[in-house]
N, C-alpha and C. Protein backbone atom coordinates (compact mmCIF):
# COMPACT_ATOMS: atom_id res chain seq x y z
N UNK A 1 25.91 31.17 47.97
CA UNK A 1 25.14 31.81 46.94
C UNK A 1 23.67 31.54 47.21
N UNK A 2 22.94 32.60 47.30
CA UNK A 2 21.54 32.49 47.66
C UNK A 2 20.68 32.91 46.46
N UNK A 3 19.72 32.07 46.17
CA UNK A 3 18.80 32.38 45.08
C UNK A 3 17.52 32.90 45.71
N UNK A 4 17.05 33.98 45.18
CA UNK A 4 15.84 34.56 45.75
C UNK A 4 14.64 33.68 45.42
N UNK A 5 13.65 33.77 46.25
CA UNK A 5 12.43 32.97 46.05
C UNK A 5 11.71 33.34 44.77
N UNK A 6 11.72 34.60 44.42
CA UNK A 6 11.03 35.02 43.19
C UNK A 6 11.72 34.43 41.95
N UNK A 7 13.07 34.40 41.96
CA UNK A 7 13.78 33.80 40.81
C UNK A 7 13.48 32.31 40.73
N UNK A 8 13.44 31.66 41.84
CA UNK A 8 13.13 30.24 41.87
C UNK A 8 11.70 30.00 41.37
N UNK A 9 10.79 30.83 41.80
CA UNK A 9 9.40 30.70 41.37
C UNK A 9 9.28 30.89 39.86
N UNK A 10 9.92 31.95 39.32
CA UNK A 10 9.86 32.21 37.88
C UNK A 10 10.55 31.11 37.08
N UNK A 11 11.59 30.56 37.61
CA UNK A 11 12.26 29.44 36.95
C UNK A 11 11.34 28.23 36.89
N UNK A 12 10.68 27.99 38.00
CA UNK A 12 9.74 26.87 38.05
C UNK A 12 8.62 27.05 37.03
N UNK A 13 8.06 28.24 36.93
CA UNK A 13 7.00 28.54 35.96
C UNK A 13 7.52 28.36 34.54
N UNK A 14 8.71 28.86 34.27
CA UNK A 14 9.30 28.76 32.93
C UNK A 14 9.50 27.29 32.53
N UNK A 15 10.04 26.51 33.45
CA UNK A 15 10.27 25.09 33.17
C UNK A 15 8.95 24.38 32.90
N UNK A 16 7.92 24.69 33.65
CA UNK A 16 6.62 24.07 33.42
C UNK A 16 6.05 24.45 32.06
N UNK A 17 6.20 25.70 31.68
CA UNK A 17 5.72 26.14 30.37
C UNK A 17 6.48 25.42 29.25
N UNK A 18 7.78 25.27 29.41
CA UNK A 18 8.58 24.54 28.42
C UNK A 18 8.11 23.09 28.33
N UNK A 19 7.84 22.46 29.45
CA UNK A 19 7.35 21.08 29.45
C UNK A 19 5.99 20.97 28.76
N UNK A 20 5.15 21.94 28.96
CA UNK A 20 3.84 21.93 28.30
C UNK A 20 4.00 22.00 26.79
N UNK A 21 4.87 22.89 26.32
CA UNK A 21 5.10 22.99 24.88
C UNK A 21 5.75 21.73 24.31
N UNK A 22 6.62 21.12 25.07
CA UNK A 22 7.23 19.86 24.62
C UNK A 22 6.19 18.74 24.52
N UNK A 23 5.27 18.72 25.46
CA UNK A 23 4.19 17.73 25.40
C UNK A 23 3.31 17.94 24.16
N UNK A 24 2.99 19.18 23.90
CA UNK A 24 2.18 19.51 22.72
C UNK A 24 2.93 19.10 21.45
N UNK A 25 4.21 19.39 21.39
CA UNK A 25 5.03 19.04 20.23
C UNK A 25 5.08 17.52 20.05
N UNK A 26 5.29 16.81 21.16
CA UNK A 26 5.33 15.35 21.11
C UNK A 26 4.01 14.79 20.61
N UNK A 27 2.92 15.33 21.08
CA UNK A 27 1.60 14.86 20.67
C UNK A 27 1.35 15.13 19.19
N UNK A 28 1.77 16.28 18.71
CA UNK A 28 1.57 16.60 17.29
C UNK A 28 2.39 15.67 16.39
N UNK A 29 3.60 15.35 16.81
CA UNK A 29 4.42 14.41 16.04
C UNK A 29 3.77 13.03 16.05
N UNK A 30 3.29 12.62 17.20
CA UNK A 30 2.62 11.33 17.31
C UNK A 30 1.41 11.25 16.37
N UNK A 31 0.60 12.28 16.35
CA UNK A 31 -0.58 12.33 15.48
C UNK A 31 -0.16 12.30 14.01
N UNK A 32 0.87 13.04 13.67
CA UNK A 32 1.37 13.08 12.29
C UNK A 32 1.77 11.68 11.82
N UNK A 33 2.55 10.98 12.63
CA UNK A 33 3.01 9.65 12.22
C UNK A 33 1.90 8.61 12.29
N UNK A 34 0.96 8.78 13.15
CA UNK A 34 -0.19 7.89 13.18
C UNK A 34 -1.00 8.04 11.89
N UNK A 35 -1.19 9.26 11.45
CA UNK A 35 -1.91 9.52 10.20
C UNK A 35 -1.15 8.92 9.02
N UNK A 36 0.17 9.09 8.99
CA UNK A 36 0.97 8.50 7.91
C UNK A 36 0.86 6.99 7.93
N UNK A 37 0.87 6.41 9.10
CA UNK A 37 0.75 4.96 9.23
C UNK A 37 -0.59 4.48 8.70
N UNK A 38 -1.65 5.18 9.01
CA UNK A 38 -2.98 4.80 8.51
C UNK A 38 -3.02 4.87 6.98
N UNK A 39 -2.42 5.91 6.41
CA UNK A 39 -2.38 6.02 4.96
C UNK A 39 -1.60 4.87 4.33
N UNK A 40 -0.49 4.51 4.95
CA UNK A 40 0.32 3.41 4.42
C UNK A 40 -0.39 2.06 4.55
N UNK A 41 -1.09 1.86 5.63
CA UNK A 41 -1.84 0.63 5.81
C UNK A 41 -2.94 0.53 4.76
N UNK A 42 -3.63 1.63 4.51
CA UNK A 42 -4.67 1.65 3.49
C UNK A 42 -4.09 1.36 2.11
N UNK A 43 -2.96 1.97 1.80
CA UNK A 43 -2.28 1.74 0.51
C UNK A 43 -1.85 0.29 0.38
N UNK A 44 -1.36 -0.29 1.47
CA UNK A 44 -0.94 -1.70 1.46
C UNK A 44 -2.14 -2.60 1.17
N UNK A 45 -3.28 -2.33 1.80
CA UNK A 45 -4.48 -3.12 1.57
C UNK A 45 -4.94 -3.01 0.12
N UNK A 46 -4.85 -1.80 -0.45
CA UNK A 46 -5.22 -1.62 -1.86
C UNK A 46 -4.30 -2.41 -2.77
N UNK A 47 -3.01 -2.38 -2.48
CA UNK A 47 -2.05 -3.12 -3.30
C UNK A 47 -2.26 -4.63 -3.19
N UNK A 48 -2.57 -5.10 -2.01
CA UNK A 48 -2.85 -6.54 -1.83
C UNK A 48 -4.09 -6.93 -2.62
N UNK A 49 -5.12 -6.09 -2.56
CA UNK A 49 -6.34 -6.37 -3.31
C UNK A 49 -6.06 -6.36 -4.81
N UNK A 50 -5.27 -5.39 -5.27
CA UNK A 50 -4.91 -5.32 -6.69
C UNK A 50 -4.12 -6.56 -7.10
N UNK A 51 -3.20 -6.99 -6.25
CA UNK A 51 -2.41 -8.19 -6.53
C UNK A 51 -3.31 -9.41 -6.65
N UNK A 52 -4.27 -9.54 -5.74
CA UNK A 52 -5.19 -10.68 -5.78
C UNK A 52 -6.03 -10.67 -7.05
N UNK A 53 -6.49 -9.49 -7.47
CA UNK A 53 -7.28 -9.39 -8.70
C UNK A 53 -6.43 -9.78 -9.91
N UNK A 54 -5.19 -9.30 -9.96
CA UNK A 54 -4.31 -9.63 -11.08
C UNK A 54 -3.95 -11.12 -11.10
N UNK A 55 -3.76 -11.70 -9.93
CA UNK A 55 -3.49 -13.14 -9.86
C UNK A 55 -4.69 -13.93 -10.38
N UNK A 56 -5.88 -13.49 -10.01
CA UNK A 56 -7.09 -14.15 -10.48
C UNK A 56 -7.21 -14.04 -12.00
N UNK A 57 -6.92 -12.87 -12.55
CA UNK A 57 -6.96 -12.69 -14.00
C UNK A 57 -5.93 -13.57 -14.70
N UNK A 58 -4.75 -13.68 -14.11
CA UNK A 58 -3.70 -14.52 -14.69
C UNK A 58 -4.13 -15.97 -14.72
N UNK A 59 -4.73 -16.44 -13.64
CA UNK A 59 -5.19 -17.83 -13.59
C UNK A 59 -6.28 -18.08 -14.63
N UNK A 60 -7.15 -17.10 -14.82
CA UNK A 60 -8.21 -17.24 -15.83
C UNK A 60 -7.59 -17.30 -17.22
N UNK A 61 -6.61 -16.43 -17.49
CA UNK A 61 -5.99 -16.38 -18.81
C UNK A 61 -5.11 -17.60 -19.09
N UNK A 62 -4.59 -18.23 -18.05
CA UNK A 62 -3.78 -19.44 -18.24
C UNK A 62 -4.63 -20.68 -18.50
N UNK A 63 -5.89 -20.59 -18.24
CA UNK A 63 -6.80 -21.71 -18.42
C UNK A 63 -6.82 -22.09 -19.90
N UNK A 64 -6.61 -23.38 -20.25
CA UNK A 64 -6.61 -23.80 -21.66
C UNK A 64 -7.91 -23.47 -22.40
N UNK A 65 -9.02 -23.55 -21.73
CA UNK A 65 -10.30 -23.21 -22.37
C UNK A 65 -10.33 -21.73 -22.72
N UNK A 66 -9.82 -20.91 -21.85
CA UNK A 66 -9.77 -19.47 -22.11
C UNK A 66 -8.85 -19.17 -23.29
N UNK A 67 -7.72 -19.85 -23.36
CA UNK A 67 -6.79 -19.66 -24.49
C UNK A 67 -7.45 -20.08 -25.80
N UNK A 68 -8.14 -21.20 -25.77
CA UNK A 68 -8.83 -21.71 -26.96
C UNK A 68 -9.90 -20.72 -27.42
N UNK A 69 -10.70 -20.22 -26.49
CA UNK A 69 -11.75 -19.26 -26.84
C UNK A 69 -11.15 -17.98 -27.40
N UNK A 70 -10.05 -17.52 -26.84
CA UNK A 70 -9.38 -16.31 -27.34
C UNK A 70 -8.88 -16.52 -28.77
N UNK A 71 -8.27 -17.68 -29.00
CA UNK A 71 -7.75 -17.96 -30.35
C UNK A 71 -8.87 -18.03 -31.37
N UNK A 72 -9.97 -18.64 -31.01
CA UNK A 72 -11.07 -18.80 -31.96
C UNK A 72 -11.82 -17.48 -32.18
N UNK A 73 -12.14 -16.79 -31.11
CA UNK A 73 -12.98 -15.58 -31.22
C UNK A 73 -12.18 -14.34 -31.61
N UNK A 74 -11.07 -14.09 -30.95
CA UNK A 74 -10.33 -12.85 -31.19
C UNK A 74 -9.39 -12.96 -32.39
N UNK A 75 -8.69 -14.08 -32.50
CA UNK A 75 -7.71 -14.23 -33.57
C UNK A 75 -8.28 -14.89 -34.82
N UNK A 76 -9.55 -15.28 -34.76
CA UNK A 76 -10.25 -15.91 -35.89
C UNK A 76 -9.55 -17.17 -36.37
N UNK A 77 -9.01 -17.93 -35.46
CA UNK A 77 -8.37 -19.19 -35.81
C UNK A 77 -9.42 -20.29 -35.90
N UNK A 78 -9.10 -21.29 -36.65
CA UNK A 78 -10.01 -22.42 -36.80
C UNK A 78 -9.29 -23.70 -36.39
N UNK A 79 -10.07 -24.69 -36.05
CA UNK A 79 -9.48 -25.97 -35.71
C UNK A 79 -8.88 -26.59 -36.98
N UNK A 80 -7.75 -27.23 -36.82
CA UNK A 80 -7.11 -27.89 -37.97
C UNK A 80 -7.71 -29.27 -38.13
N UNK A 81 -8.02 -29.56 -39.38
CA UNK A 81 -8.50 -30.90 -39.70
C UNK A 81 -7.31 -31.76 -40.07
N UNK A 82 -7.46 -33.05 -39.93
CA UNK A 82 -6.36 -33.95 -40.17
C UNK A 82 -5.87 -33.90 -41.62
N UNK A 83 -6.79 -33.68 -42.56
CA UNK A 83 -6.37 -33.67 -43.97
C UNK A 83 -5.66 -32.35 -44.33
N UNK A 84 -5.64 -31.36 -43.44
CA UNK A 84 -4.95 -30.11 -43.70
C UNK A 84 -3.47 -30.19 -43.32
N UNK A 85 -3.12 -31.21 -42.61
CA UNK A 85 -1.73 -31.35 -42.16
C UNK A 85 -0.93 -31.97 -43.28
N UNK A 86 0.20 -31.34 -43.62
CA UNK A 86 1.06 -31.85 -44.66
C UNK A 86 2.42 -32.15 -44.07
N UNK A 87 2.98 -33.21 -44.55
CA UNK A 87 4.29 -33.62 -44.06
C UNK A 87 5.36 -33.09 -44.99
N UNK A 88 6.35 -32.44 -44.43
CA UNK A 88 7.46 -31.94 -45.20
C UNK A 88 8.62 -32.92 -45.12
N UNK A 89 9.19 -33.17 -46.26
CA UNK A 89 10.32 -34.10 -46.27
C UNK A 89 11.61 -33.41 -46.61
């Protein structure tokens, strides 16, 4: 079975064109996932920063001085004097 040179040539050209399109497709997929990765990394950094800010706020709110100031200023509580304490029997 003999294949003509022109058929071989056209087959070679066709295969090369297919490879070119596959390369382009591969590159576009690579770019797509690289962009998604960058977005996810940015989102992760934002979440870490948000977590750190919330942890800092929690530590501030757990501080006994902060609790005392909140009770006095916001809740209008007053310090108890010793003569205000009554014993229940």
